[in-house]
Amino acid sequence: MNKLKTAFYILAFVFLSNSLLSQTQAEMNKEAIKSYEKSDLELNNLYKKFINLIEGETKTLFIQAQRNWIAFKEQQCKFEASIYEGGSIQPLIKFDCLDRITKSRISELKEIIDETLPK
């Protein structure tokens, strides 16, 4: 009887865990968008911080580099999502890509800011 009870509890736990963790594609898409928006906000704040630390030609070059990076990010993620054209997973792929590339840029800018700030 004890083994039967244990088996029941294990099955109930597995069922409830899967139910609580399962998501629809729409929910996963929304989470990916939300995560990207958070990363994008962090990047924008870093950009503002850094742009105030530099001037002259360095500032001009950085602004152009950032514009080029944005164009690259948009094109790369458009490409990655195009593989899933028409599928419900397409937004997830696009926003995961945008988030991944944005987080990478955040890391790059943090390193640059650390090198630029006076010690």
N, C-alpha and C. Protein backbone atom coordinates (compact mmCIF):
# COMPACT_ATOMS: atom_id res chain seq x y z
N MET A 1 0.82 -1.20 0.00
CA MET A 1 0.00 0.00 0.00
C MET A 1 0.87 1.26 0.00
N ASN A 2 1.96 1.20 0.74
CA ASN A 2 2.86 2.34 0.82
C ASN A 2 3.46 2.68 -0.54
N LYS A 3 3.82 1.62 -1.30
CA LYS A 3 4.39 1.83 -2.64
C LYS A 3 3.36 2.46 -3.57
N LEU A 4 2.14 2.05 -3.44
CA LEU A 4 1.07 2.60 -4.26
C LEU A 4 0.86 4.08 -3.96
N LYS A 5 0.89 4.44 -2.69
CA LYS A 5 0.75 5.83 -2.28
C LYS A 5 1.90 6.67 -2.83
N THR A 6 3.10 6.14 -2.70
CA THR A 6 4.29 6.85 -3.18
C THR A 6 4.20 7.06 -4.69
N ALA A 7 3.81 6.03 -5.40
CA ALA A 7 3.67 6.13 -6.85
C ALA A 7 2.62 7.18 -7.23
N PHE A 8 1.52 7.18 -6.49
CA PHE A 8 0.47 8.17 -6.73
C PHE A 8 1.01 9.59 -6.55
N TYR A 9 1.74 9.81 -5.45
CA TYR A 9 2.28 11.14 -5.17
C TYR A 9 3.30 11.57 -6.23
N ILE A 10 4.08 10.64 -6.67
CA ILE A 10 5.07 10.95 -7.72
C ILE A 10 4.35 11.33 -9.01
N LEU A 11 3.36 10.55 -9.39
CA LEU A 11 2.60 10.86 -10.61
C LEU A 11 1.86 12.19 -10.49
N ALA A 12 1.28 12.45 -9.33
CA ALA A 12 0.58 13.71 -9.11
C ALA A 12 1.56 14.88 -9.20
N PHE A 13 2.75 14.72 -8.62
CA PHE A 13 3.76 15.77 -8.66
C PHE A 13 4.20 16.04 -10.10
N VAL A 14 4.47 14.98 -10.84
CA VAL A 14 4.89 15.14 -12.24
C VAL A 14 3.80 15.82 -13.05
N PHE A 15 2.57 15.40 -12.88
CA PHE A 15 1.46 16.00 -13.62
C PHE A 15 1.30 17.47 -13.28
N LEU A 16 1.32 17.80 -11.99
CA LEU A 16 1.17 19.20 -11.58
C LEU A 16 2.35 20.04 -12.02
N SER A 17 3.54 19.50 -11.94
CA SER A 17 4.73 20.24 -12.38
C SER A 17 4.63 20.56 -13.87
N ASN A 18 4.28 19.58 -14.66
CA ASN A 18 4.16 19.82 -16.10
C ASN A 18 3.05 20.81 -16.41
N SER A 19 1.97 20.74 -15.68
CA SER A 19 0.86 21.67 -15.89
C SER A 19 1.26 23.09 -15.54
N LEU A 20 2.00 23.25 -14.45
CA LEU A 20 2.40 24.57 -14.01
C LEU A 20 3.48 25.17 -14.91
N LEU A 21 4.32 24.32 -15.48
CA LEU A 21 5.42 24.81 -16.30
C LEU A 21 5.05 24.95 -17.77
N SER A 22 4.00 24.28 -18.20
CA SER A 22 3.64 24.34 -19.61
C SER A 22 3.10 25.72 -19.97
N GLN A 23 3.43 26.14 -21.18
CA GLN A 23 3.00 27.44 -21.67
C GLN A 23 2.51 27.28 -23.09
N THR A 24 1.67 28.21 -23.48
CA THR A 24 1.28 28.24 -24.87
C THR A 24 2.35 28.98 -25.66
N GLN A 25 2.31 28.85 -26.95
CA GLN A 25 3.27 29.57 -27.79
C GLN A 25 3.10 31.07 -27.62
N ALA A 26 1.86 31.52 -27.50
CA ALA A 26 1.61 32.95 -27.32
C ALA A 26 2.25 33.46 -26.02
N GLU A 27 2.16 32.66 -24.96
CA GLU A 27 2.79 33.06 -23.69
C GLU A 27 4.31 33.12 -23.82
N MET A 28 4.89 32.14 -24.51
CA MET A 28 6.34 32.16 -24.70
C MET A 28 6.76 33.35 -25.55
N ASN A 29 5.96 33.68 -26.57
CA ASN A 29 6.25 34.84 -27.40
C ASN A 29 6.23 36.12 -26.57
N LYS A 30 5.22 36.25 -25.70
CA LYS A 30 5.10 37.44 -24.84
C LYS A 30 6.29 37.55 -23.90
N GLU A 31 6.73 36.43 -23.35
CA GLU A 31 7.88 36.44 -22.45
C GLU A 31 9.15 36.86 -23.20
N ALA A 32 9.30 36.39 -24.43
CA ALA A 32 10.47 36.75 -25.23
C ALA A 32 10.46 38.25 -25.52
N ILE A 33 9.31 38.78 -25.84
CA ILE A 33 9.18 40.23 -26.10
C ILE A 33 9.53 41.01 -24.84
N LYS A 34 8.99 40.58 -23.71
CA LYS A 34 9.24 41.26 -22.44
C LYS A 34 10.73 41.23 -22.09
N SER A 35 11.38 40.11 -22.28
CA SER A 35 12.80 39.99 -21.99
C SER A 35 13.62 40.91 -22.90
N TYR A 36 13.26 40.94 -24.18
CA TYR A 36 13.96 41.83 -25.11
C TYR A 36 13.76 43.30 -24.72
N GLU A 37 12.55 43.67 -24.38
CA GLU A 37 12.28 45.07 -24.00
C GLU A 37 13.12 45.47 -22.78
N LYS A 38 13.28 44.55 -21.84
CA LYS A 38 14.09 44.81 -20.66
C LYS A 38 15.56 45.01 -21.06
N SER A 39 16.06 44.15 -21.92
CA SER A 39 17.45 44.27 -22.38
C SER A 39 17.64 45.55 -23.19
N ASP A 40 16.68 45.88 -24.02
CA ASP A 40 16.77 47.08 -24.84
C ASP A 40 16.81 48.34 -23.97
N LEU A 41 16.02 48.35 -22.91
CA LEU A 41 16.03 49.47 -21.98
C LEU A 41 17.39 49.60 -21.30
N GLU A 42 17.94 48.48 -20.88
CA GLU A 42 19.27 48.50 -20.25
C GLU A 42 20.32 49.01 -21.23
N LEU A 43 20.24 48.56 -22.48
CA LEU A 43 21.19 49.02 -23.50
C LEU A 43 21.05 50.52 -23.72
N ASN A 44 19.83 51.02 -23.80
CA ASN A 44 19.62 52.45 -24.00
C ASN A 44 20.19 53.27 -22.85
N ASN A 45 20.04 52.78 -21.64
CA ASN A 45 20.61 53.48 -20.48
C ASN A 45 22.14 53.49 -20.54
N LEU A 46 22.73 52.37 -20.92
CA LEU A 46 24.19 52.32 -21.08
C LEU A 46 24.66 53.25 -22.19
N TYR A 47 23.92 53.27 -23.28
CA TYR A 47 24.25 54.15 -24.40
C TYR A 47 24.29 55.61 -23.93
N LYS A 48 23.26 56.01 -23.21
CA LYS A 48 23.19 57.39 -22.71
C LYS A 48 24.35 57.69 -21.78
N LYS A 49 24.68 56.74 -20.93
CA LYS A 49 25.80 56.92 -20.01
C LYS A 49 27.10 57.10 -20.78
N PHE A 50 27.32 56.23 -21.75
CA PHE A 50 28.58 56.27 -22.50
C PHE A 50 28.68 57.50 -23.38
N ILE A 51 27.60 57.86 -24.03
CA ILE A 51 27.62 59.00 -24.95
C ILE A 51 27.99 60.29 -24.20
N ASN A 52 27.68 60.35 -22.91
CA ASN A 52 28.03 61.51 -22.10
C ASN A 52 29.49 61.50 -21.65
N LEU A 53 30.17 60.38 -21.82
CA LEU A 53 31.58 60.27 -21.42
C LEU A 53 32.54 60.63 -22.55
N ILE A 54 32.04 60.63 -23.77
CA ILE A 54 32.93 60.83 -24.92
C ILE A 54 32.55 62.09 -25.68
N GLU A 55 33.47 62.53 -26.53
CA GLU A 55 33.20 63.73 -27.31
C GLU A 55 33.99 63.70 -28.61
N GLY A 56 33.71 64.68 -29.45
CA GLY A 56 34.44 64.84 -30.70
C GLY A 56 34.28 63.68 -31.66
N GLU A 57 35.38 63.35 -32.33
CA GLU A 57 35.39 62.29 -33.34
C GLU A 57 35.01 60.93 -32.73
N THR A 58 35.42 60.69 -31.51
CA THR A 58 35.09 59.42 -30.84
C THR A 58 33.59 59.28 -30.70
N LYS A 59 32.93 60.37 -30.35
CA LYS A 59 31.47 60.35 -30.20
C LYS A 59 30.80 60.09 -31.55
N THR A 60 31.28 60.77 -32.58
CA THR A 60 30.72 60.60 -33.93
C THR A 60 30.88 59.15 -34.40
N LEU A 61 32.07 58.60 -34.17
CA LEU A 61 32.33 57.21 -34.58
C LEU A 61 31.46 56.22 -33.80
N PHE A 62 31.30 56.49 -32.52
CA PHE A 62 30.47 55.60 -31.71
C PHE A 62 29.01 55.64 -32.14
N ILE A 63 28.50 56.82 -32.39
CA ILE A 63 27.11 56.95 -32.84
C ILE A 63 26.90 56.17 -34.14
N GLN A 64 27.84 56.30 -35.07
CA GLN A 64 27.72 55.57 -36.34
C GLN A 64 27.84 54.07 -36.12
N ALA A 65 28.76 53.67 -35.25
CA ALA A 65 28.92 52.25 -34.95
C ALA A 65 27.63 51.68 -34.35
N GLN A 66 27.00 52.44 -33.48
CA GLN A 66 25.76 51.98 -32.85
C GLN A 66 24.64 51.87 -33.88
N ARG A 67 24.57 52.83 -34.78
CA ARG A 67 23.56 52.76 -35.86
C ARG A 67 23.79 51.53 -36.72
N ASN A 68 25.04 51.26 -37.04
CA ASN A 68 25.37 50.08 -37.85
C ASN A 68 25.04 48.80 -37.09
N TRP A 69 25.32 48.80 -35.79
CA TRP A 69 25.02 47.63 -34.97
C TRP A 69 23.51 47.37 -34.95
N ILE A 70 22.72 48.43 -34.81
CA ILE A 70 21.26 48.29 -34.81
C ILE A 70 20.78 47.69 -36.13
N ALA A 71 21.32 48.18 -37.23
CA ALA A 71 20.95 47.65 -38.56
C ALA A 71 21.32 46.17 -38.65
N PHE A 72 22.53 45.83 -38.17
CA PHE A 72 22.95 44.43 -38.17
C PHE A 72 21.99 43.57 -37.34
N LYS A 73 21.70 44.02 -36.12
CA LYS A 73 20.83 43.27 -35.21
C LYS A 73 19.47 43.00 -35.87
N GLU A 74 18.89 44.05 -36.44
CA GLU A 74 17.57 43.90 -37.07
C GLU A 74 17.62 42.92 -38.24
N GLN A 75 18.64 43.04 -39.08
CA GLN A 75 18.76 42.17 -40.25
C GLN A 75 19.04 40.73 -39.84
N GLN A 76 19.91 40.52 -38.87
CA GLN A 76 20.25 39.18 -38.42
C GLN A 76 19.02 38.47 -37.85
N CYS A 77 18.26 39.18 -37.05
CA CYS A 77 17.10 38.55 -36.42
C CYS A 77 15.96 38.35 -37.42
N LYS A 78 15.87 39.24 -38.38
CA LYS A 78 14.90 39.05 -39.46
C LYS A 78 15.24 37.77 -40.24
N PHE A 79 16.53 37.59 -40.50
CA PHE A 79 16.99 36.38 -41.18
C PHE A 79 16.67 35.13 -40.36
N GLU A 80 17.04 35.14 -39.07
CA GLU A 80 16.83 33.96 -38.24
C GLU A 80 15.34 33.60 -38.14
N ALA A 81 14.50 34.60 -38.03
CA ALA A 81 13.06 34.35 -37.92
C ALA A 81 12.45 33.91 -39.25
N SER A 82 13.06 34.31 -40.36
CA SER A 82 12.50 33.99 -41.68
C SER A 82 12.43 32.49 -41.93
N ILE A 83 13.28 31.75 -41.26
CA ILE A 83 13.27 30.30 -41.42
C ILE A 83 11.94 29.71 -40.96
N TYR A 84 11.28 30.41 -40.05
CA TYR A 84 10.02 29.95 -39.46
C TYR A 84 8.83 30.76 -39.97
N GLU A 85 8.98 31.35 -41.14
CA GLU A 85 7.94 32.20 -41.74
C GLU A 85 6.58 31.53 -41.69
N GLY A 86 5.61 32.23 -41.11
CA GLY A 86 4.24 31.74 -41.05
C GLY A 86 3.95 30.87 -39.84
N GLY A 87 5.00 30.50 -39.10
CA GLY A 87 4.79 29.65 -37.93
C GLY A 87 4.57 30.48 -36.66
N SER A 88 3.88 29.88 -35.72
CA SER A 88 3.60 30.61 -34.48
C SER A 88 4.85 30.82 -33.64
N ILE A 89 5.91 30.10 -33.95
CA ILE A 89 7.16 30.24 -33.20
C ILE A 89 8.02 31.39 -33.74
N GLN A 90 7.66 31.92 -34.89
CA GLN A 90 8.47 32.97 -35.52
C GLN A 90 8.74 34.16 -34.60
N PRO A 91 7.74 34.71 -33.89
CA PRO A 91 8.03 35.83 -32.99
C PRO A 91 9.00 35.44 -31.87
N LEU A 92 8.89 34.23 -31.36
CA LEU A 92 9.80 33.76 -30.32
C LEU A 92 11.23 33.75 -30.83
N ILE A 93 11.43 33.23 -32.02
CA ILE A 93 12.76 33.17 -32.61
C ILE A 93 13.31 34.58 -32.81
N LYS A 94 12.48 35.47 -33.33
CA LYS A 94 12.92 36.85 -33.58
C LYS A 94 13.30 37.56 -32.29
N PHE A 95 12.43 37.50 -31.29
CA PHE A 95 12.70 38.24 -30.06
C PHE A 95 13.78 37.59 -29.20
N ASP A 96 13.92 36.28 -29.27
CA ASP A 96 15.05 35.64 -28.61
C ASP A 96 16.36 36.10 -29.24
N CYS A 97 16.36 36.21 -30.55
CA CYS A 97 17.53 36.70 -31.27
C CYS A 97 17.84 38.14 -30.87
N LEU A 98 16.83 39.00 -30.90
CA LEU A 98 17.03 40.40 -30.52
C LEU A 98 17.57 40.50 -29.10
N ASP A 99 17.03 39.69 -28.21
CA ASP A 99 17.47 39.70 -26.82
C ASP A 99 18.91 39.23 -26.70
N ARG A 100 19.24 38.14 -27.37
CA ARG A 100 20.59 37.57 -27.31
C ARG A 100 21.63 38.56 -27.82
N ILE A 101 21.37 39.16 -28.95
CA ILE A 101 22.32 40.09 -29.55
C ILE A 101 22.41 41.37 -28.71
N THR A 102 21.29 41.82 -28.17
CA THR A 102 21.29 43.02 -27.32
C THR A 102 22.08 42.77 -26.04
N LYS A 103 21.90 41.61 -25.43
CA LYS A 103 22.67 41.28 -24.22
C LYS A 103 24.17 41.22 -24.52
N SER A 104 24.50 40.74 -25.68
CA SER A 104 25.91 40.71 -26.08
C SER A 104 26.45 42.13 -26.20
N ARG A 105 25.67 43.02 -26.79
CA ARG A 105 26.08 44.42 -26.94
C ARG A 105 26.20 45.10 -25.57
N ILE A 106 25.31 44.77 -24.66
CA ILE A 106 25.38 45.31 -23.31
C ILE A 106 26.73 44.94 -22.68
N SER A 107 27.12 43.69 -22.82
CA SER A 107 28.41 43.25 -22.28
C SER A 107 29.56 44.02 -22.91
N GLU A 108 29.50 44.20 -24.23
CA GLU A 108 30.55 44.95 -24.92
C GLU A 108 30.63 46.38 -24.39
N LEU A 109 29.49 47.04 -24.27
CA LEU A 109 29.48 48.43 -23.82
C LEU A 109 29.95 48.54 -22.37
N LYS A 110 29.58 47.59 -21.54
CA LYS A 110 30.05 47.62 -20.15
C LYS A 110 31.58 47.55 -20.10
N GLU A 111 32.17 46.70 -20.92
CA GLU A 111 33.62 46.60 -20.98
C GLU A 111 34.24 47.91 -21.46
N ILE A 112 33.65 48.49 -22.48
CA ILE A 112 34.16 49.77 -23.01
C ILE A 112 34.04 50.86 -21.96
N ILE A 113 32.92 50.93 -21.28
CA ILE A 113 32.71 51.94 -20.24
C ILE A 113 33.72 51.75 -19.11
N ASP A 114 33.94 50.51 -18.71
CA ASP A 114 34.92 50.24 -17.65
C ASP A 114 36.32 50.69 -18.05
N GLU A 115 36.66 50.52 -19.32
CA GLU A 115 37.96 50.96 -19.81
C GLU A 115 38.04 52.47 -19.94
N THR A 116 36.92 53.13 -20.18
CA THR A 116 36.88 54.56 -20.42
C THR A 116 36.83 55.37 -19.13
N LEU A 117 36.12 54.85 -18.14
CA LEU A 117 35.97 55.59 -16.89
C LEU A 117 37.33 55.72 -16.19
N PRO A 118 37.59 56.91 -15.65
CA PRO A 118 38.84 57.08 -14.91
C PRO A 118 38.84 56.18 -13.66
N LYS A 119 39.98 55.61 -13.40
CA LYS A 119 40.10 54.72 -12.24
C LYS A 119 40.41 55.50 -10.99
